[in-house]
Amino acid sequence: MPSQITHQFYLIYDSRCPLCVTELKHLKKRDKKGKLILIDIHSEQFKSDFPDLPKQKALEKLHGFYYIDSDSEQQIEKNKQWYFGLDATYHAWRAVGLGFVIKPLRWPLIRYVFDAMYRFFAQHRGRIAKLVTGKSECLECDISFTRDKERVSSMKNNGQLK
């Protein structure tokens, strides 16, 4: 990927995780150019737009992708570049101009330590959230961004999401 972000990054996230929601609210406030598109794992939109991605698998770690516009029907899957876990986190931060803040977590050798820490966090985020926020799940957290939902729906209607 070029150092200049020219495409939007789509992040599939858990809207019931209080810590996740807090981080994404922080990022969306800085997303002045609309480069970060959020897709809630618990939404009907997720079920319909990503039928081949089981919810449980999506809950295990962050999933995110860049989608590069193309007129060619055969280019659609080729134009999705998927990232997982901390790589998805890095690209989400990068999309809003803050990639430099967590770039060191992706450096060789260091990345393995932080990837292990991320896997632990992802597996125990409910318990960690309870310790930090007092609640393990947030059923009322809402960071719905209508613009993001409309953009993803539009991609689906145009046959860009399969």
N, C-alpha and C. Protein backbone atom coordinates (compact mmCIF):
# COMPACT_ATOMS: atom_id res chain seq x y z
N MET A 1 0.83 -1.19 0.00
CA MET A 1 0.00 0.00 0.00
C MET A 1 0.88 1.25 0.00
N PRO A 2 0.48 2.27 -0.74
CA PRO A 2 1.24 3.52 -0.72
C PRO A 2 1.14 4.18 0.64
N SER A 3 2.10 5.05 0.96
CA SER A 3 2.07 5.70 2.26
C SER A 3 0.88 6.64 2.39
N GLN A 4 0.41 7.21 1.29
CA GLN A 4 -0.77 8.08 1.29
C GLN A 4 -2.02 7.20 1.17
N ILE A 5 -2.97 7.33 2.08
CA ILE A 5 -4.20 6.55 2.01
C ILE A 5 -5.11 7.18 0.97
N THR A 6 -5.48 6.41 -0.04
CA THR A 6 -6.37 6.93 -1.06
C THR A 6 -7.67 6.15 -1.10
N HIS A 7 -7.76 5.07 -0.34
CA HIS A 7 -8.95 4.22 -0.36
C HIS A 7 -9.49 4.07 1.06
N GLN A 8 -10.75 3.69 1.15
CA GLN A 8 -11.38 3.52 2.45
C GLN A 8 -11.04 2.16 3.04
N PHE A 9 -10.96 2.14 4.37
CA PHE A 9 -10.71 0.90 5.10
C PHE A 9 -11.99 0.51 5.82
N TYR A 10 -12.45 -0.71 5.58
CA TYR A 10 -13.67 -1.24 6.18
C TYR A 10 -13.28 -2.12 7.36
N LEU A 11 -13.81 -1.82 8.54
CA LEU A 11 -13.47 -2.57 9.75
C LEU A 11 -14.72 -3.22 10.30
N ILE A 12 -14.66 -4.53 10.48
CA ILE A 12 -15.76 -5.30 11.07
C ILE A 12 -15.46 -5.39 12.57
N TYR A 13 -16.36 -4.85 13.39
CA TYR A 13 -16.07 -4.72 14.81
C TYR A 13 -17.22 -5.25 15.67
N ASP A 14 -16.91 -5.46 16.95
CA ASP A 14 -17.88 -5.94 17.94
C ASP A 14 -18.47 -4.74 18.70
N SER A 15 -19.70 -4.37 18.37
CA SER A 15 -20.33 -3.20 19.00
C SER A 15 -20.74 -3.45 20.45
N ARG A 16 -20.61 -4.68 20.92
CA ARG A 16 -20.98 -4.99 22.31
C ARG A 16 -19.77 -4.94 23.24
N CYS A 17 -18.61 -4.67 22.70
CA CYS A 17 -17.39 -4.59 23.50
C CYS A 17 -17.16 -3.12 23.89
N PRO A 18 -17.30 -2.79 25.18
CA PRO A 18 -17.15 -1.39 25.60
C PRO A 18 -15.79 -0.79 25.23
N LEU A 19 -14.72 -1.57 25.34
CA LEU A 19 -13.40 -1.05 25.01
C LEU A 19 -13.25 -0.82 23.51
N CYS A 20 -13.81 -1.73 22.73
CA CYS A 20 -13.76 -1.59 21.27
C CYS A 20 -14.51 -0.34 20.83
N VAL A 21 -15.69 -0.15 21.39
CA VAL A 21 -16.53 1.00 21.05
C VAL A 21 -15.83 2.30 21.42
N THR A 22 -15.18 2.33 22.58
CA THR A 22 -14.46 3.53 23.01
C THR A 22 -13.36 3.87 22.02
N GLU A 23 -12.58 2.87 21.61
CA GLU A 23 -11.51 3.11 20.64
C GLU A 23 -12.06 3.60 19.31
N LEU A 24 -13.13 2.98 18.84
CA LEU A 24 -13.67 3.36 17.53
C LEU A 24 -14.34 4.73 17.56
N LYS A 25 -14.94 5.11 18.67
CA LYS A 25 -15.46 6.48 18.79
C LYS A 25 -14.32 7.48 18.65
N HIS A 26 -13.22 7.17 19.31
CA HIS A 26 -12.01 8.01 19.25
C HIS A 26 -11.53 8.14 17.79
N LEU A 27 -11.48 7.03 17.08
CA LEU A 27 -11.01 7.06 15.69
C LEU A 27 -11.99 7.80 14.77
N LYS A 28 -13.28 7.54 14.95
CA LYS A 28 -14.27 8.18 14.07
C LYS A 28 -14.29 9.71 14.25
N LYS A 29 -14.00 10.19 15.44
CA LYS A 29 -13.93 11.64 15.65
C LYS A 29 -12.82 12.25 14.80
N ARG A 30 -11.80 11.49 14.53
CA ARG A 30 -10.66 11.97 13.75
C ARG A 30 -10.77 11.64 12.26
N ASP A 31 -11.82 10.97 11.89
CA ASP A 31 -12.00 10.52 10.50
C ASP A 31 -12.67 11.62 9.67
N LYS A 32 -11.96 12.69 9.45
CA LYS A 32 -12.52 13.86 8.75
C LYS A 32 -12.77 13.59 7.26
N LYS A 33 -12.04 12.63 6.69
CA LYS A 33 -12.15 12.37 5.24
C LYS A 33 -13.00 11.14 4.93
N GLY A 34 -13.61 10.52 5.94
CA GLY A 34 -14.46 9.36 5.71
C GLY A 34 -13.71 8.14 5.20
N LYS A 35 -12.49 7.95 5.70
CA LYS A 35 -11.66 6.83 5.24
C LYS A 35 -11.89 5.54 6.03
N LEU A 36 -12.54 5.63 7.19
CA LEU A 36 -12.78 4.45 8.03
C LEU A 36 -14.27 4.14 8.03
N ILE A 37 -14.63 2.98 7.52
CA ILE A 37 -16.01 2.54 7.45
C ILE A 37 -16.19 1.39 8.45
N LEU A 38 -17.15 1.53 9.36
CA LEU A 38 -17.37 0.53 10.41
C LEU A 38 -18.56 -0.34 10.09
N ILE A 39 -18.39 -1.64 10.31
CA ILE A 39 -19.45 -2.62 10.09
C ILE A 39 -19.61 -3.42 11.37
N ASP A 40 -20.77 -3.33 11.99
CA ASP A 40 -21.06 -3.98 13.26
C ASP A 40 -21.36 -5.47 13.05
N ILE A 41 -20.63 -6.32 13.74
CA ILE A 41 -20.81 -7.77 13.66
C ILE A 41 -22.24 -8.18 14.03
N HIS A 42 -22.87 -7.42 14.92
CA HIS A 42 -24.20 -7.78 15.43
C HIS A 42 -25.34 -7.20 14.60
N SER A 43 -25.02 -6.54 13.52
CA SER A 43 -26.06 -5.89 12.71
C SER A 43 -26.60 -6.83 11.64
N GLU A 44 -27.80 -6.51 11.21
CA GLU A 44 -28.39 -7.24 10.07
C GLU A 44 -27.55 -7.03 8.82
N GLN A 45 -26.97 -5.86 8.72
CA GLN A 45 -26.12 -5.53 7.58
C GLN A 45 -24.96 -6.52 7.47
N PHE A 46 -24.33 -6.84 8.62
CA PHE A 46 -23.22 -7.80 8.60
C PHE A 46 -23.70 -9.15 8.08
N LYS A 47 -24.83 -9.61 8.60
CA LYS A 47 -25.36 -10.92 8.18
C LYS A 47 -25.61 -10.97 6.68
N SER A 48 -26.18 -9.90 6.14
CA SER A 48 -26.52 -9.92 4.72
C SER A 48 -25.33 -9.62 3.82
N ASP A 49 -24.42 -8.75 4.26
CA ASP A 49 -23.29 -8.37 3.41
C ASP A 49 -22.12 -9.34 3.46
N PHE A 50 -22.02 -10.12 4.54
CA PHE A 50 -20.90 -11.05 4.69
C PHE A 50 -21.41 -12.44 5.08
N PRO A 51 -22.23 -13.07 4.24
CA PRO A 51 -22.80 -14.37 4.59
C PRO A 51 -21.74 -15.47 4.71
N ASP A 52 -20.59 -15.30 4.08
CA ASP A 52 -19.55 -16.32 4.12
C ASP A 52 -18.59 -16.16 5.30
N LEU A 53 -18.79 -15.13 6.10
CA LEU A 53 -17.95 -14.91 7.28
C LEU A 53 -18.78 -15.21 8.52
N PRO A 54 -18.54 -16.37 9.15
CA PRO A 54 -19.34 -16.72 10.34
C PRO A 54 -19.12 -15.69 11.46
N LYS A 55 -20.19 -15.35 12.13
CA LYS A 55 -20.15 -14.36 13.21
C LYS A 55 -19.12 -14.74 14.26
N GLN A 56 -19.08 -16.01 14.65
CA GLN A 56 -18.15 -16.44 15.69
C GLN A 56 -16.70 -16.21 15.26
N LYS A 57 -16.41 -16.47 14.00
CA LYS A 57 -15.04 -16.24 13.50
C LYS A 57 -14.72 -14.75 13.53
N ALA A 58 -15.68 -13.92 13.15
CA ALA A 58 -15.48 -12.47 13.15
C ALA A 58 -15.28 -11.95 14.58
N LEU A 59 -15.90 -12.60 15.56
CA LEU A 59 -15.75 -12.18 16.95
C LEU A 59 -14.38 -12.56 17.54
N GLU A 60 -13.71 -13.52 16.94
CA GLU A 60 -12.43 -13.98 17.47
C GLU A 60 -11.32 -12.95 17.30
N LYS A 61 -11.38 -12.17 16.22
CA LYS A 61 -10.37 -11.14 15.98
C LYS A 61 -10.93 -10.13 14.97
N LEU A 62 -10.38 -8.95 14.99
CA LEU A 62 -10.82 -7.93 14.05
C LEU A 62 -10.56 -8.37 12.62
N HIS A 63 -11.47 -8.01 11.75
CA HIS A 63 -11.34 -8.22 10.31
C HIS A 63 -11.51 -6.86 9.65
N GLY A 64 -10.65 -6.56 8.72
CA GLY A 64 -10.78 -5.30 8.00
C GLY A 64 -10.24 -5.46 6.59
N PHE A 65 -10.69 -4.60 5.70
CA PHE A 65 -10.19 -4.67 4.33
C PHE A 65 -10.27 -3.33 3.64
N TYR A 66 -9.39 -3.17 2.66
CA TYR A 66 -9.47 -2.05 1.73
C TYR A 66 -10.25 -2.55 0.54
N TYR A 67 -11.07 -1.69 0.00
CA TYR A 67 -11.74 -2.02 -1.26
C TYR A 67 -11.38 -0.94 -2.24
N ILE A 68 -10.83 -1.32 -3.35
CA ILE A 68 -10.42 -0.39 -4.39
C ILE A 68 -11.42 -0.47 -5.52
N ASP A 69 -12.06 0.64 -5.84
CA ASP A 69 -13.08 0.66 -6.89
C ASP A 69 -12.54 0.11 -8.21
N SER A 70 -13.39 -0.65 -8.86
CA SER A 70 -13.03 -1.21 -10.16
C SER A 70 -14.30 -1.43 -10.96
N ASP A 71 -14.21 -1.22 -12.25
CA ASP A 71 -15.36 -1.46 -13.13
C ASP A 71 -15.47 -2.93 -13.50
N SER A 72 -14.38 -3.65 -13.39
CA SER A 72 -14.35 -5.04 -13.81
C SER A 72 -14.93 -5.96 -12.75
N GLU A 73 -15.92 -6.75 -13.13
CA GLU A 73 -16.57 -7.71 -12.22
C GLU A 73 -15.55 -8.71 -11.68
N GLN A 74 -14.57 -9.10 -12.49
CA GLN A 74 -13.58 -10.09 -12.06
C GLN A 74 -12.59 -9.51 -11.06
N GLN A 75 -12.50 -8.20 -10.98
CA GLN A 75 -11.54 -7.56 -10.09
C GLN A 75 -12.06 -7.42 -8.66
N ILE A 76 -13.34 -7.67 -8.43
CA ILE A 76 -13.94 -7.38 -7.13
C ILE A 76 -13.21 -8.08 -5.99
N GLU A 77 -13.09 -9.40 -6.02
CA GLU A 77 -12.41 -10.11 -4.94
C GLU A 77 -10.93 -9.75 -4.90
N LYS A 78 -10.33 -9.57 -6.05
CA LYS A 78 -8.92 -9.21 -6.11
C LYS A 78 -8.67 -7.84 -5.47
N ASN A 79 -9.66 -6.97 -5.51
CA ASN A 79 -9.50 -5.62 -4.99
C ASN A 79 -9.75 -5.51 -3.49
N LYS A 80 -10.07 -6.62 -2.83
CA LYS A 80 -10.20 -6.61 -1.38
C LYS A 80 -8.87 -7.09 -0.80
N GLN A 81 -8.26 -6.29 0.04
CA GLN A 81 -7.05 -6.70 0.74
C GLN A 81 -7.41 -6.81 2.21
N TRP A 82 -7.49 -8.05 2.72
CA TRP A 82 -7.92 -8.30 4.10
C TRP A 82 -6.77 -8.19 5.09
N TYR A 83 -7.09 -7.70 6.29
CA TYR A 83 -6.16 -7.62 7.41
C TYR A 83 -6.89 -8.11 8.65
N PHE A 84 -6.13 -8.71 9.58
CA PHE A 84 -6.74 -9.31 10.77
C PHE A 84 -5.99 -8.88 12.03
N GLY A 85 -6.71 -8.91 13.16
CA GLY A 85 -6.09 -8.62 14.45
C GLY A 85 -5.47 -7.24 14.51
N LEU A 86 -4.21 -7.19 15.02
CA LEU A 86 -3.54 -5.90 15.14
C LEU A 86 -3.22 -5.27 13.79
N ASP A 87 -3.08 -6.07 12.75
CA ASP A 87 -2.88 -5.48 11.42
C ASP A 87 -4.12 -4.69 11.03
N ALA A 88 -5.31 -5.20 11.33
CA ALA A 88 -6.55 -4.47 11.06
C ALA A 88 -6.62 -3.21 11.91
N THR A 89 -6.20 -3.30 13.17
CA THR A 89 -6.18 -2.13 14.05
C THR A 89 -5.26 -1.06 13.48
N TYR A 90 -4.06 -1.47 13.07
CA TYR A 90 -3.11 -0.52 12.50
C TYR A 90 -3.71 0.20 11.29
N HIS A 91 -4.33 -0.56 10.39
CA HIS A 91 -4.89 0.06 9.18
C HIS A 91 -6.08 0.97 9.50
N ALA A 92 -6.84 0.65 10.53
CA ALA A 92 -7.93 1.54 10.96
C ALA A 92 -7.35 2.86 11.46
N TRP A 93 -6.32 2.78 12.29
CA TRP A 93 -5.68 4.00 12.80
C TRP A 93 -5.02 4.76 11.65
N ARG A 94 -4.43 4.04 10.74
CA ARG A 94 -3.77 4.66 9.59
C ARG A 94 -4.79 5.39 8.71
N ALA A 95 -5.96 4.83 8.55
CA ALA A 95 -7.00 5.43 7.71
C ALA A 95 -7.39 6.82 8.20
N VAL A 96 -7.29 7.05 9.51
CA VAL A 96 -7.66 8.36 10.06
C VAL A 96 -6.44 9.23 10.34
N GLY A 97 -5.29 8.81 9.83
CA GLY A 97 -4.08 9.61 9.95
C GLY A 97 -3.29 9.40 11.22
N LEU A 98 -3.57 8.33 11.96
CA LEU A 98 -2.87 8.07 13.22
C LEU A 98 -2.05 6.78 13.20
N GLY A 99 -1.76 6.26 12.03
CA GLY A 99 -1.00 5.02 11.93
C GLY A 99 0.35 5.08 12.62
N PHE A 100 0.97 6.25 12.58
CA PHE A 100 2.29 6.42 13.19
C PHE A 100 2.28 6.11 14.69
N VAL A 101 1.13 6.29 15.34
CA VAL A 101 1.02 6.06 16.79
C VAL A 101 1.24 4.59 17.13
N ILE A 102 0.68 3.70 16.32
CA ILE A 102 0.80 2.27 16.65
C ILE A 102 1.68 1.50 15.67
N LYS A 103 2.30 2.18 14.73
CA LYS A 103 3.21 1.53 13.77
C LYS A 103 4.28 0.69 14.47
N PRO A 104 4.87 1.15 15.57
CA PRO A 104 5.89 0.32 16.24
C PRO A 104 5.39 -1.07 16.64
N LEU A 105 4.07 -1.23 16.85
CA LEU A 105 3.54 -2.54 17.21
C LEU A 105 3.64 -3.53 16.05
N ARG A 106 3.91 -3.06 14.85
CA ARG A 106 4.00 -3.91 13.67
C ARG A 106 5.44 -4.16 13.25
N TRP A 107 6.41 -3.61 13.97
CA TRP A 107 7.82 -3.81 13.64
C TRP A 107 8.20 -5.28 13.88
N PRO A 108 9.12 -5.81 13.07
CA PRO A 108 9.56 -7.20 13.26
C PRO A 108 10.01 -7.44 14.71
N LEU A 109 9.85 -8.63 15.15
CA LEU A 109 10.15 -9.10 16.51
C LEU A 109 9.15 -8.55 17.53
N ILE A 110 9.00 -7.24 17.61
CA ILE A 110 8.04 -6.65 18.55
C ILE A 110 6.62 -7.10 18.21
N ARG A 111 6.33 -7.22 16.92
CA ARG A 111 4.98 -7.58 16.49
C ARG A 111 4.53 -8.91 17.07
N TYR A 112 5.44 -9.86 17.24
CA TYR A 112 5.06 -11.17 17.76
C TYR A 112 4.58 -11.09 19.21
N VAL A 113 5.23 -10.25 19.99
CA VAL A 113 4.83 -10.05 21.39
C VAL A 113 3.44 -9.40 21.43
N PHE A 114 3.26 -8.35 20.63
CA PHE A 114 1.98 -7.64 20.65
C PHE A 114 0.87 -8.46 20.01
N ASP A 115 1.19 -9.29 19.02
CA ASP A 115 0.17 -10.18 18.45
C ASP A 115 -0.32 -11.17 19.51
N ALA A 116 0.60 -11.68 20.33
CA ALA A 116 0.21 -12.60 21.41
C ALA A 116 -0.66 -11.86 22.43
N MET A 117 -0.29 -10.63 22.74
CA MET A 117 -1.09 -9.83 23.68
C MET A 117 -2.47 -9.55 23.09
N TYR A 118 -2.53 -9.26 21.79
CA TYR A 118 -3.82 -9.01 21.14
C TYR A 118 -4.70 -10.26 21.20
N ARG A 119 -4.12 -11.44 20.92
CA ARG A 119 -4.91 -12.67 20.96
C ARG A 119 -5.48 -12.90 22.37
N PHE A 120 -4.68 -12.61 23.39
CA PHE A 120 -5.15 -12.73 24.76
C PHE A 120 -6.30 -11.74 25.01
N PHE A 121 -6.10 -10.49 24.59
CA PHE A 121 -7.14 -9.47 24.75
C PHE A 121 -8.42 -9.88 24.04
N ALA A 122 -8.29 -10.30 22.79
CA ALA A 122 -9.48 -10.66 22.00
C ALA A 122 -10.25 -11.80 22.66
N GLN A 123 -9.52 -12.75 23.20
CA GLN A 123 -10.16 -13.91 23.84
C GLN A 123 -10.83 -13.54 25.16
N HIS A 124 -10.28 -12.56 25.86
CA HIS A 124 -10.76 -12.21 27.21
C HIS A 124 -11.29 -10.78 27.30
N ARG A 125 -11.68 -10.19 26.18
CA ARG A 125 -12.05 -8.77 26.19
C ARG A 125 -13.25 -8.48 27.09
N GLY A 126 -14.16 -9.43 27.25
CA GLY A 126 -15.29 -9.21 28.15
C GLY A 126 -14.84 -9.04 29.59
N ARG A 127 -13.94 -9.90 30.02
CA ARG A 127 -13.43 -9.82 31.41
C ARG A 127 -12.57 -8.57 31.60
N ILE A 128 -11.74 -8.26 30.59
CA ILE A 128 -10.89 -7.07 30.67
C ILE A 128 -11.75 -5.81 30.70
N ALA A 129 -12.78 -5.78 29.86
CA ALA A 129 -13.69 -4.62 29.83
C ALA A 129 -14.37 -4.45 31.19
N LYS A 130 -14.76 -5.56 31.82
CA LYS A 130 -15.42 -5.50 33.13
C LYS A 130 -14.47 -4.87 34.16
N LEU A 131 -13.20 -5.23 34.13
CA LEU A 131 -12.22 -4.65 35.05
C LEU A 131 -12.02 -3.16 34.79
N VAL A 132 -12.00 -2.77 33.52
CA VAL A 132 -11.69 -1.39 33.16
C VAL A 132 -12.92 -0.48 33.22
N THR A 133 -14.05 -0.96 32.71
CA THR A 133 -15.24 -0.10 32.59
C THR A 133 -16.36 -0.45 33.57
N GLY A 134 -16.27 -1.62 34.18
CA GLY A 134 -17.34 -2.04 35.08
C GLY A 134 -18.42 -2.84 34.38
N LYS A 135 -18.32 -2.98 33.07
CA LYS A 135 -19.31 -3.80 32.34
C LYS A 135 -18.58 -4.63 31.29
N SER A 136 -19.01 -5.90 31.19
CA SER A 136 -18.34 -6.81 30.25
C SER A 136 -18.94 -6.73 28.86
N GLU A 137 -20.17 -6.25 28.78
CA GLU A 137 -20.83 -6.14 27.49
C GLU A 137 -21.63 -4.85 27.47
N CYS A 138 -21.76 -4.30 26.31
CA CYS A 138 -22.46 -3.02 26.17
C CYS A 138 -23.57 -3.19 25.14
N LEU A 139 -24.77 -3.47 25.61
CA LEU A 139 -25.88 -3.66 24.68
C LEU A 139 -26.44 -2.32 24.18
N GLU A 140 -26.09 -1.24 24.85
CA GLU A 140 -26.61 0.06 24.45
C GLU A 140 -25.57 0.92 23.75
N CYS A 141 -24.37 0.42 23.58
CA CYS A 141 -23.35 1.19 22.89
C CYS A 141 -23.78 1.37 21.44
N ASP A 142 -23.73 2.58 20.99
CA ASP A 142 -24.13 2.81 19.61
C ASP A 142 -23.15 3.76 18.96
N ILE A 143 -22.44 3.24 18.00
CA ILE A 143 -21.59 4.11 17.19
C ILE A 143 -22.01 3.93 15.74
N SER A 144 -23.31 3.81 15.55
CA SER A 144 -23.83 3.65 14.19
C SER A 144 -23.51 4.90 13.40
N PHE A 145 -22.97 4.69 12.29
CA PHE A 145 -22.68 5.80 11.40
C PHE A 145 -23.47 5.55 10.13
N THR A 146 -24.56 6.26 9.99
CA THR A 146 -25.48 6.08 8.88
C THR A 146 -24.74 6.13 7.55
N ARG A 147 -23.81 7.06 7.44
CA ARG A 147 -23.04 7.20 6.20
C ARG A 147 -22.31 5.89 5.87
N ASP A 148 -21.72 5.24 6.90
CA ASP A 148 -21.02 3.98 6.67
C ASP A 148 -21.98 2.89 6.22
N LYS A 149 -23.14 2.80 6.87
CA LYS A 149 -24.12 1.78 6.52
C LYS A 149 -24.60 1.98 5.09
N GLU A 150 -24.83 3.22 4.72
CA GLU A 150 -25.28 3.51 3.35
C GLU A 150 -24.20 3.15 2.33
N ARG A 151 -22.95 3.42 2.65
CA ARG A 151 -21.85 3.14 1.74
C ARG A 151 -21.71 1.62 1.52
N VAL A 152 -21.79 0.84 2.59
CA VAL A 152 -21.68 -0.62 2.47
C VAL A 152 -22.88 -1.17 1.72
N SER A 153 -24.07 -0.67 2.01
CA SER A 153 -25.27 -1.13 1.30
C SER A 153 -25.16 -0.83 -0.20
N SER A 154 -24.64 0.31 -0.51
CA SER A 154 -24.45 0.70 -1.91
C SER A 154 -23.48 -0.25 -2.61
N MET A 155 -22.40 -0.62 -1.91
CA MET A 155 -21.43 -1.56 -2.49
C MET A 155 -22.10 -2.90 -2.74
N LYS A 156 -22.94 -3.33 -1.78
CA LYS A 156 -23.62 -4.62 -1.95
C LYS A 156 -24.57 -4.56 -3.15
N ASN A 157 -25.33 -3.47 -3.25
CA ASN A 157 -26.28 -3.34 -4.35
C ASN A 157 -25.57 -3.29 -5.71
N ASN A 158 -24.36 -2.79 -5.75
CA ASN A 158 -23.60 -2.72 -6.99
C ASN A 158 -22.83 -4.01 -7.27
N GLY A 159 -23.01 -5.02 -6.40
CA GLY A 159 -22.34 -6.30 -6.60
C GLY A 159 -20.89 -6.30 -6.18
N GLN A 160 -20.47 -5.29 -5.40
CA GLN A 160 -19.08 -5.19 -5.01
C GLN A 160 -18.75 -6.03 -3.78
N LEU A 161 -19.74 -6.36 -2.98
CA LEU A 161 -19.53 -7.24 -1.83
C LEU A 161 -20.18 -8.57 -2.11
N LYS A 162 -19.44 -9.61 -1.99
CA LYS A 162 -19.97 -10.95 -2.24
C LYS A 162 -19.58 -11.88 -1.14
